[in-house]
Amino acid sequence: MAGYLSSFFLWFAGLFFSKAAEIAVVGLQWSEDVVPTVAFNFRKIRKGNVTLKVWDVAGQPKFRSMWERYCNGVDAIVFVVDSIDTEKFNTARFELHQLLAQSSLTGVPLLVLGNKNDIDGHVSVKDLIAALELDKIKDRPVSCYSCSMKNQHNLDIVLKWLTSRGH
């Protein structure tokens, strides 16, 4: 019942207030069969009273040095991890912690999305938190979810997370 009342309140408040947020989506190149982002893509997404400005930044090694530039000044960083490809977890952890060590990004909330939860063999959120050492991040709010990039529900996860943070 509490969840229903909370949802109702958010809907009611949304009738009178609009929210806007800017996010940067980063992560390693997910797989060879996916056409990778080159440099960056920018999208503006509106769902209900929430408008998201999304910087989708390339994950290939030659573009990772640009991550800080696109993450600077955003309301949140979304780090996407292929939850099937455990061989890349060490690289993902290293790159994530390198990014978060930048002083210009101190305090920027982090949302980690473990992608491909619709495929057998994906790791659990608990295992992803351990593999990426998310529990060691103390200078910002951190959340981790498991998702499938094939459905619209993932946008709902991001929107709900951002609005719960007060952005």
N, C-alpha and C. Protein backbone atom coordinates (compact mmCIF):
# COMPACT_ATOMS: atom_id res chain seq x y z
N MET A 1 0.82 -1.20 0.00
CA MET A 1 0.00 0.00 0.00
C MET A 1 0.86 1.26 0.00
N ALA A 2 1.97 1.22 0.74
CA ALA A 2 2.85 2.39 0.79
C ALA A 2 3.41 2.71 -0.59
N GLY A 3 3.76 1.67 -1.37
CA GLY A 3 4.28 1.88 -2.72
C GLY A 3 3.24 2.52 -3.62
N TYR A 4 1.99 2.11 -3.46
CA TYR A 4 0.91 2.67 -4.25
C TYR A 4 0.73 4.15 -3.92
N LEU A 5 0.74 4.48 -2.64
CA LEU A 5 0.59 5.88 -2.24
C LEU A 5 1.75 6.73 -2.73
N SER A 6 2.95 6.17 -2.66
CA SER A 6 4.13 6.88 -3.15
C SER A 6 4.02 7.13 -4.64
N SER A 7 3.60 6.12 -5.41
CA SER A 7 3.43 6.28 -6.86
C SER A 7 2.36 7.32 -7.17
N PHE A 8 1.27 7.27 -6.41
CA PHE A 8 0.20 8.24 -6.61
C PHE A 8 0.70 9.66 -6.34
N PHE A 9 1.46 9.83 -5.26
CA PHE A 9 1.99 11.14 -4.91
C PHE A 9 2.92 11.65 -6.01
N LEU A 10 3.80 10.79 -6.52
CA LEU A 10 4.71 11.20 -7.58
C LEU A 10 3.94 11.60 -8.84
N TRP A 11 2.89 10.83 -9.16
CA TRP A 11 2.07 11.17 -10.31
C TRP A 11 1.38 12.51 -10.09
N PHE A 12 0.80 12.71 -8.91
CA PHE A 12 0.09 13.94 -8.59
C PHE A 12 1.03 15.14 -8.62
N ALA A 13 2.20 14.99 -8.01
CA ALA A 13 3.18 16.07 -8.01
C ALA A 13 3.64 16.37 -9.43
N GLY A 14 3.74 15.34 -10.26
CA GLY A 14 4.16 15.50 -11.64
C GLY A 14 3.19 16.31 -12.47
N LEU A 15 1.94 16.39 -12.04
CA LEU A 15 0.96 17.21 -12.75
C LEU A 15 1.33 18.69 -12.68
N PHE A 16 2.02 19.08 -11.61
CA PHE A 16 2.32 20.48 -11.37
C PHE A 16 3.79 20.83 -11.55
N PHE A 17 4.64 19.86 -11.50
CA PHE A 17 6.08 20.12 -11.55
C PHE A 17 6.73 19.29 -12.63
N SER A 18 7.59 19.92 -13.39
CA SER A 18 8.38 19.20 -14.37
C SER A 18 9.78 19.00 -13.81
N LYS A 19 10.40 17.93 -14.21
CA LYS A 19 11.76 17.65 -13.79
C LYS A 19 12.62 17.51 -15.02
N ALA A 20 13.85 17.95 -14.90
CA ALA A 20 14.81 17.81 -15.99
C ALA A 20 16.12 17.31 -15.40
N ALA A 21 16.78 16.46 -16.13
CA ALA A 21 18.07 15.94 -15.67
C ALA A 21 18.95 15.68 -16.88
N GLU A 22 20.23 15.82 -16.66
CA GLU A 22 21.21 15.52 -17.69
C GLU A 22 22.06 14.37 -17.18
N ILE A 23 22.19 13.33 -17.99
CA ILE A 23 22.97 12.17 -17.57
C ILE A 23 23.99 11.81 -18.65
N ALA A 24 25.05 11.15 -18.19
CA ALA A 24 26.05 10.60 -19.11
C ALA A 24 26.01 9.10 -18.97
N VAL A 25 25.92 8.41 -20.10
CA VAL A 25 25.91 6.95 -20.12
C VAL A 25 27.27 6.51 -20.66
N VAL A 26 27.99 5.75 -19.83
CA VAL A 26 29.31 5.26 -20.21
C VAL A 26 29.41 3.78 -19.90
N GLY A 27 30.40 3.14 -20.43
CA GLY A 27 30.65 1.72 -20.18
C GLY A 27 31.54 1.19 -21.28
N LEU A 28 32.08 0.01 -21.06
CA LEU A 28 32.93 -0.61 -22.07
C LEU A 28 32.09 -0.95 -23.29
N GLN A 29 32.75 -1.13 -24.42
CA GLN A 29 32.03 -1.58 -25.61
C GLN A 29 31.41 -2.92 -25.27
N TRP A 30 30.10 -3.08 -25.45
CA TRP A 30 29.37 -4.24 -24.94
C TRP A 30 29.70 -5.52 -25.66
N SER A 31 29.71 -5.51 -26.98
CA SER A 31 30.03 -6.73 -27.71
C SER A 31 30.40 -6.37 -29.14
N GLU A 32 30.98 -7.32 -29.81
CA GLU A 32 31.39 -7.10 -31.19
C GLU A 32 30.20 -7.04 -32.14
N ASP A 33 29.04 -7.64 -31.78
CA ASP A 33 27.89 -7.65 -32.68
C ASP A 33 27.03 -6.41 -32.57
N VAL A 34 27.38 -5.49 -31.68
CA VAL A 34 26.62 -4.26 -31.53
C VAL A 34 27.43 -3.13 -32.18
N VAL A 35 26.77 -2.32 -32.99
CA VAL A 35 27.46 -1.18 -33.58
C VAL A 35 27.76 -0.19 -32.46
N PRO A 36 29.05 0.05 -32.20
CA PRO A 36 29.41 0.90 -31.07
C PRO A 36 29.16 2.38 -31.34
N THR A 37 28.98 3.11 -30.25
CA THR A 37 28.90 4.56 -30.35
C THR A 37 30.28 5.05 -30.75
N VAL A 38 30.33 6.00 -31.69
CA VAL A 38 31.60 6.62 -32.06
C VAL A 38 31.61 8.01 -31.45
N ALA A 39 32.57 8.24 -30.56
CA ALA A 39 32.69 9.49 -29.80
C ALA A 39 31.50 9.64 -28.84
N PHE A 40 30.38 10.21 -29.31
CA PHE A 40 29.21 10.33 -28.44
C PHE A 40 27.95 10.50 -29.27
N ASN A 41 26.82 10.22 -28.64
CA ASN A 41 25.50 10.53 -29.18
C ASN A 41 24.79 11.37 -28.13
N PHE A 42 23.97 12.29 -28.57
CA PHE A 42 23.17 13.09 -27.64
C PHE A 42 21.71 12.89 -27.98
N ARG A 43 20.91 12.64 -26.95
CA ARG A 43 19.47 12.49 -27.13
C ARG A 43 18.74 13.26 -26.04
N LYS A 44 17.60 13.78 -26.40
CA LYS A 44 16.71 14.40 -25.43
C LYS A 44 15.47 13.53 -25.38
N ILE A 45 15.14 13.02 -24.19
CA ILE A 45 14.02 12.10 -24.03
C ILE A 45 13.04 12.73 -23.06
N ARG A 46 11.78 12.70 -23.43
CA ARG A 46 10.74 13.20 -22.52
C ARG A 46 9.77 12.07 -22.24
N LYS A 47 9.53 11.83 -20.98
CA LYS A 47 8.55 10.83 -20.57
C LYS A 47 7.75 11.44 -19.43
N GLY A 48 6.50 11.66 -19.69
CA GLY A 48 5.67 12.35 -18.69
C GLY A 48 6.22 13.75 -18.48
N ASN A 49 6.43 14.11 -17.22
CA ASN A 49 6.95 15.43 -16.90
C ASN A 49 8.45 15.43 -16.67
N VAL A 50 9.11 14.38 -17.08
CA VAL A 50 10.55 14.29 -16.91
C VAL A 50 11.23 14.39 -18.27
N THR A 51 12.19 15.28 -18.37
CA THR A 51 12.99 15.43 -19.58
C THR A 51 14.42 15.04 -19.24
N LEU A 52 14.95 14.10 -20.02
CA LEU A 52 16.34 13.67 -19.84
C LEU A 52 17.17 14.13 -21.03
N LYS A 53 18.30 14.73 -20.73
CA LYS A 53 19.31 15.00 -21.75
C LYS A 53 20.36 13.93 -21.53
N VAL A 54 20.58 13.10 -22.54
CA VAL A 54 21.43 11.92 -22.39
C VAL A 54 22.65 12.02 -23.30
N TRP A 55 23.83 11.98 -22.69
CA TRP A 55 25.09 11.88 -23.42
C TRP A 55 25.48 10.41 -23.39
N ASP A 56 25.48 9.75 -24.53
CA ASP A 56 25.89 8.35 -24.67
C ASP A 56 27.32 8.40 -25.21
N VAL A 57 28.29 8.06 -24.35
CA VAL A 57 29.70 8.24 -24.68
C VAL A 57 30.32 6.89 -25.05
N ALA A 58 31.10 6.88 -26.09
CA ALA A 58 31.73 5.66 -26.61
C ALA A 58 32.56 4.96 -25.55
N GLY A 59 32.59 3.62 -25.62
CA GLY A 59 33.30 2.83 -24.64
C GLY A 59 34.58 2.18 -25.13
N GLN A 60 34.94 2.35 -26.40
CA GLN A 60 36.18 1.78 -26.88
C GLN A 60 37.35 2.46 -26.17
N PRO A 61 38.46 1.74 -26.00
CA PRO A 61 39.60 2.30 -25.25
C PRO A 61 40.04 3.69 -25.70
N LYS A 62 40.04 3.97 -26.99
CA LYS A 62 40.52 5.28 -27.46
C LYS A 62 39.60 6.45 -27.06
N PHE A 63 38.35 6.15 -26.66
CA PHE A 63 37.42 7.22 -26.29
C PHE A 63 37.25 7.36 -24.78
N ARG A 64 37.79 6.47 -23.99
CA ARG A 64 37.56 6.50 -22.54
C ARG A 64 38.14 7.74 -21.88
N SER A 65 39.16 8.32 -22.46
CA SER A 65 39.72 9.55 -21.89
C SER A 65 38.74 10.71 -22.01
N MET A 66 37.72 10.59 -22.85
CA MET A 66 36.71 11.64 -23.01
C MET A 66 35.58 11.53 -21.99
N TRP A 67 35.50 10.42 -21.27
CA TRP A 67 34.38 10.21 -20.36
C TRP A 67 34.22 11.36 -19.37
N GLU A 68 35.32 11.81 -18.77
CA GLU A 68 35.21 12.87 -17.76
C GLU A 68 34.59 14.12 -18.35
N ARG A 69 34.98 14.48 -19.56
CA ARG A 69 34.46 15.69 -20.21
C ARG A 69 32.93 15.65 -20.31
N TYR A 70 32.38 14.50 -20.67
CA TYR A 70 30.94 14.39 -20.84
C TYR A 70 30.21 14.14 -19.52
N CYS A 71 30.92 13.67 -18.52
CA CYS A 71 30.30 13.44 -17.21
C CYS A 71 30.32 14.69 -16.33
N ASN A 72 31.19 15.63 -16.66
CA ASN A 72 31.32 16.85 -15.87
C ASN A 72 30.05 17.70 -16.01
N GLY A 73 29.43 18.01 -14.88
CA GLY A 73 28.23 18.85 -14.88
C GLY A 73 26.92 18.12 -15.03
N VAL A 74 26.94 16.79 -15.14
CA VAL A 74 25.69 16.05 -15.27
C VAL A 74 25.07 15.80 -13.90
N ASP A 75 23.80 15.43 -13.92
CA ASP A 75 23.09 15.12 -12.67
C ASP A 75 23.37 13.70 -12.20
N ALA A 76 23.78 12.83 -13.12
CA ALA A 76 24.09 11.44 -12.76
C ALA A 76 24.91 10.79 -13.86
N ILE A 77 25.70 9.80 -13.44
CA ILE A 77 26.45 8.97 -14.37
C ILE A 77 25.79 7.60 -14.37
N VAL A 78 25.50 7.09 -15.57
CA VAL A 78 24.98 5.74 -15.71
C VAL A 78 26.09 4.90 -16.33
N PHE A 79 26.55 3.89 -15.59
CA PHE A 79 27.62 3.01 -16.07
C PHE A 79 27.00 1.68 -16.42
N VAL A 80 27.12 1.29 -17.70
CA VAL A 80 26.50 0.06 -18.19
C VAL A 80 27.56 -1.03 -18.28
N VAL A 81 27.22 -2.19 -17.72
CA VAL A 81 28.14 -3.33 -17.70
C VAL A 81 27.44 -4.53 -18.32
N ASP A 82 28.15 -5.24 -19.18
CA ASP A 82 27.64 -6.48 -19.75
C ASP A 82 27.72 -7.55 -18.66
N SER A 83 26.59 -7.92 -18.08
CA SER A 83 26.58 -8.84 -16.94
C SER A 83 26.83 -10.30 -17.33
N ILE A 84 27.05 -10.55 -18.60
CA ILE A 84 27.42 -11.89 -19.07
C ILE A 84 28.94 -12.01 -19.21
N ASP A 85 29.58 -10.92 -19.59
CA ASP A 85 30.99 -10.92 -19.94
C ASP A 85 31.87 -10.69 -18.70
N THR A 86 31.97 -11.72 -17.86
CA THR A 86 32.72 -11.60 -16.60
C THR A 86 34.21 -11.37 -16.83
N GLU A 87 34.71 -11.73 -18.00
CA GLU A 87 36.13 -11.51 -18.30
C GLU A 87 36.48 -10.03 -18.37
N LYS A 88 35.48 -9.17 -18.61
CA LYS A 88 35.75 -7.73 -18.70
C LYS A 88 35.45 -7.00 -17.39
N PHE A 89 35.06 -7.71 -16.35
CA PHE A 89 34.74 -7.05 -15.09
C PHE A 89 35.93 -6.30 -14.49
N ASN A 90 37.14 -6.87 -14.58
CA ASN A 90 38.30 -6.18 -14.03
C ASN A 90 38.55 -4.87 -14.76
N THR A 91 38.45 -4.89 -16.09
CA THR A 91 38.62 -3.67 -16.87
C THR A 91 37.51 -2.67 -16.56
N ALA A 92 36.29 -3.15 -16.44
CA ALA A 92 35.16 -2.27 -16.12
C ALA A 92 35.38 -1.62 -14.76
N ARG A 93 35.79 -2.40 -13.77
CA ARG A 93 36.05 -1.86 -12.43
C ARG A 93 37.14 -0.79 -12.49
N PHE A 94 38.24 -1.11 -13.16
CA PHE A 94 39.35 -0.16 -13.28
C PHE A 94 38.89 1.15 -13.92
N GLU A 95 38.22 1.05 -15.06
CA GLU A 95 37.79 2.25 -15.79
C GLU A 95 36.77 3.06 -14.99
N LEU A 96 35.85 2.38 -14.32
CA LEU A 96 34.87 3.08 -13.50
C LEU A 96 35.54 3.84 -12.37
N HIS A 97 36.42 3.19 -11.64
CA HIS A 97 37.07 3.84 -10.51
C HIS A 97 38.02 4.95 -10.96
N GLN A 98 38.65 4.80 -12.14
CA GLN A 98 39.48 5.87 -12.71
C GLN A 98 38.61 7.10 -12.98
N LEU A 99 37.43 6.87 -13.56
CA LEU A 99 36.52 7.97 -13.87
C LEU A 99 36.07 8.67 -12.59
N LEU A 100 35.65 7.88 -11.61
CA LEU A 100 35.12 8.47 -10.37
C LEU A 100 36.20 9.15 -9.54
N ALA A 101 37.46 8.88 -9.81
CA ALA A 101 38.56 9.52 -9.07
C ALA A 101 38.79 10.96 -9.52
N GLN A 102 38.17 11.36 -10.63
CA GLN A 102 38.34 12.73 -11.12
C GLN A 102 37.66 13.71 -10.17
N SER A 103 38.41 14.70 -9.70
CA SER A 103 37.86 15.63 -8.70
C SER A 103 36.65 16.40 -9.22
N SER A 104 36.56 16.61 -10.53
CA SER A 104 35.41 17.34 -11.08
C SER A 104 34.11 16.54 -10.98
N LEU A 105 34.22 15.25 -10.68
CA LEU A 105 33.03 14.40 -10.62
C LEU A 105 32.66 13.99 -9.20
N THR A 106 33.35 14.55 -8.21
CA THR A 106 33.06 14.21 -6.83
C THR A 106 31.59 14.49 -6.51
N GLY A 107 30.93 13.50 -5.94
CA GLY A 107 29.55 13.66 -5.51
C GLY A 107 28.49 13.39 -6.56
N VAL A 108 28.89 13.23 -7.82
CA VAL A 108 27.90 12.96 -8.88
C VAL A 108 27.34 11.55 -8.66
N PRO A 109 26.04 11.41 -8.51
CA PRO A 109 25.43 10.09 -8.29
C PRO A 109 25.75 9.11 -9.40
N LEU A 110 25.86 7.84 -9.03
CA LEU A 110 26.20 6.78 -9.97
C LEU A 110 25.11 5.72 -9.98
N LEU A 111 24.66 5.39 -11.18
CA LEU A 111 23.73 4.28 -11.38
C LEU A 111 24.44 3.26 -12.26
N VAL A 112 24.61 2.04 -11.76
CA VAL A 112 25.22 0.97 -12.52
C VAL A 112 24.11 0.06 -13.02
N LEU A 113 24.10 -0.19 -14.33
CA LEU A 113 23.12 -1.09 -14.93
C LEU A 113 23.85 -2.32 -15.44
N GLY A 114 23.54 -3.46 -14.86
CA GLY A 114 24.06 -4.74 -15.34
C GLY A 114 23.18 -5.19 -16.48
N ASN A 115 23.65 -5.04 -17.68
CA ASN A 115 22.89 -5.32 -18.89
C ASN A 115 22.77 -6.82 -19.16
N LYS A 116 21.78 -7.17 -19.95
CA LYS A 116 21.56 -8.53 -20.46
C LYS A 116 21.06 -9.51 -19.40
N ASN A 117 20.22 -9.04 -18.50
CA ASN A 117 19.66 -9.95 -17.49
C ASN A 117 18.66 -10.94 -18.09
N ASP A 118 18.36 -10.79 -19.36
CA ASP A 118 17.46 -11.71 -20.04
C ASP A 118 18.20 -12.91 -20.62
N ILE A 119 19.51 -12.97 -20.43
CA ILE A 119 20.32 -14.07 -20.96
C ILE A 119 20.80 -14.95 -19.80
N ASP A 120 20.65 -16.26 -19.98
CA ASP A 120 21.12 -17.19 -18.95
C ASP A 120 22.60 -16.98 -18.68
N GLY A 121 22.96 -17.04 -17.41
CA GLY A 121 24.37 -16.90 -17.02
C GLY A 121 24.76 -15.50 -16.60
N HIS A 122 23.82 -14.56 -16.64
CA HIS A 122 24.17 -13.22 -16.19
C HIS A 122 24.42 -13.23 -14.68
N VAL A 123 25.28 -12.33 -14.22
CA VAL A 123 25.57 -12.28 -12.79
C VAL A 123 24.48 -11.50 -12.07
N SER A 124 24.33 -11.79 -10.81
CA SER A 124 23.34 -11.09 -9.99
C SER A 124 23.83 -9.69 -9.65
N VAL A 125 22.93 -8.86 -9.19
CA VAL A 125 23.29 -7.52 -8.75
C VAL A 125 24.33 -7.60 -7.62
N LYS A 126 24.12 -8.52 -6.69
CA LYS A 126 25.06 -8.69 -5.58
C LYS A 126 26.46 -9.01 -6.09
N ASP A 127 26.57 -9.91 -7.07
CA ASP A 127 27.87 -10.26 -7.63
C ASP A 127 28.48 -9.11 -8.42
N LEU A 128 27.63 -8.33 -9.09
CA LEU A 128 28.11 -7.18 -9.83
C LEU A 128 28.66 -6.11 -8.88
N ILE A 129 27.96 -5.89 -7.78
CA ILE A 129 28.43 -4.93 -6.77
C ILE A 129 29.81 -5.36 -6.25
N ALA A 130 29.97 -6.65 -5.99
CA ALA A 130 31.26 -7.15 -5.50
C ALA A 130 32.35 -7.03 -6.57
N ALA A 131 32.03 -7.44 -7.81
CA ALA A 131 33.03 -7.43 -8.88
C ALA A 131 33.52 -6.02 -9.20
N LEU A 132 32.63 -5.05 -9.13
CA LEU A 132 32.99 -3.66 -9.45
C LEU A 132 33.41 -2.87 -8.21
N GLU A 133 33.37 -3.53 -7.05
CA GLU A 133 33.73 -2.91 -5.77
C GLU A 133 32.94 -1.61 -5.54
N LEU A 134 31.64 -1.69 -5.81
CA LEU A 134 30.79 -0.51 -5.63
C LEU A 134 30.64 -0.13 -4.17
N ASP A 135 30.80 -1.11 -3.28
CA ASP A 135 30.70 -0.84 -1.85
C ASP A 135 31.85 0.02 -1.34
N LYS A 136 32.90 0.17 -2.11
CA LYS A 136 34.05 1.00 -1.73
C LYS A 136 33.87 2.47 -2.12
N ILE A 137 32.83 2.75 -2.87
CA ILE A 137 32.58 4.13 -3.33
C ILE A 137 31.79 4.84 -2.23
N LYS A 138 32.41 5.84 -1.62
CA LYS A 138 31.81 6.50 -0.46
C LYS A 138 31.48 7.97 -0.70
N ASP A 139 31.91 8.56 -1.81
CA ASP A 139 31.76 10.00 -2.00
C ASP A 139 30.56 10.41 -2.84
N ARG A 140 29.61 9.47 -3.02
CA ARG A 140 28.45 9.77 -3.86
C ARG A 140 27.38 8.70 -3.66
N PRO A 141 26.14 8.99 -3.97
CA PRO A 141 25.11 7.94 -3.96
C PRO A 141 25.38 6.96 -5.09
N VAL A 142 25.22 5.66 -4.80
CA VAL A 142 25.44 4.60 -5.78
C VAL A 142 24.26 3.64 -5.73
N SER A 143 23.75 3.28 -6.91
CA SER A 143 22.71 2.27 -7.02
C SER A 143 23.09 1.33 -8.15
N CYS A 144 22.65 0.08 -8.03
CA CYS A 144 22.96 -0.93 -9.05
C CYS A 144 21.71 -1.74 -9.33
N TYR A 145 21.40 -1.90 -10.61
CA TYR A 145 20.24 -2.67 -11.04
C TYR A 145 20.66 -3.62 -12.15
N SER A 146 19.89 -4.67 -12.31
CA SER A 146 20.05 -5.60 -13.41
C SER A 146 18.96 -5.30 -14.43
N CYS A 147 19.31 -5.29 -15.72
CA CYS A 147 18.31 -4.91 -16.72
C CYS A 147 18.58 -5.59 -18.05
N SER A 148 17.64 -5.45 -18.94
CA SER A 148 17.78 -5.88 -20.32
C SER A 148 17.62 -4.65 -21.18
N MET A 149 18.54 -4.41 -22.08
CA MET A 149 18.45 -3.22 -22.92
C MET A 149 17.45 -3.40 -24.06
N LYS A 150 16.74 -4.52 -24.07
CA LYS A 150 15.78 -4.78 -25.15
C LYS A 150 14.39 -4.22 -24.85
N ASN A 151 14.17 -3.73 -23.63
CA ASN A 151 12.81 -3.26 -23.34
C ASN A 151 12.80 -1.86 -22.76
N GLN A 152 11.67 -1.23 -22.83
CA GLN A 152 11.47 0.15 -22.38
C GLN A 152 11.57 0.28 -20.87
N HIS A 153 11.46 -0.83 -20.15
CA HIS A 153 11.50 -0.79 -18.69
C HIS A 153 12.77 -0.13 -18.16
N ASN A 154 13.87 -0.20 -18.91
CA ASN A 154 15.13 0.37 -18.45
C ASN A 154 15.05 1.89 -18.34
N LEU A 155 14.35 2.53 -19.26
CA LEU A 155 14.15 3.97 -19.15
C LEU A 155 13.37 4.28 -17.89
N ASP A 156 12.38 3.44 -17.58
CA ASP A 156 11.62 3.62 -16.35
C ASP A 156 12.51 3.52 -15.12
N ILE A 157 13.47 2.57 -15.13
CA ILE A 157 14.40 2.43 -14.01
C ILE A 157 15.20 3.71 -13.82
N VAL A 158 15.75 4.24 -14.92
CA VAL A 158 16.57 5.45 -14.84
C VAL A 158 15.73 6.63 -14.37
N LEU A 159 14.53 6.80 -14.93
CA LEU A 159 13.67 7.91 -14.54
C LEU A 159 13.27 7.82 -13.07
N LYS A 160 12.91 6.64 -12.62
CA LYS A 160 12.52 6.47 -11.22
C LYS A 160 13.70 6.77 -10.31
N TRP A 161 14.87 6.30 -10.68
CA TRP A 161 16.06 6.52 -9.86
C TRP A 161 16.38 8.00 -9.79
N LEU A 162 16.35 8.69 -10.94
CA LEU A 162 16.67 10.11 -10.96
C LEU A 162 15.66 10.92 -10.15
N THR A 163 14.38 10.63 -10.32
CA THR A 163 13.37 11.40 -9.59
C THR A 163 13.42 11.13 -8.10
N SER A 164 13.83 9.92 -7.70
CA SER A 164 13.95 9.64 -6.27
C SER A 164 15.13 10.38 -5.66
N ARG A 165 16.08 10.83 -6.47
CA ARG A 165 17.26 11.55 -6.01
C ARG A 165 16.96 13.04 -5.92
N GLY A 166 15.78 13.46 -6.36
CA GLY A 166 15.41 14.87 -6.26
C GLY A 166 15.85 15.70 -7.46
N HIS A 167 16.22 15.07 -8.57
CA HIS A 167 16.62 15.84 -9.76
C HIS A 167 15.43 16.09 -10.64
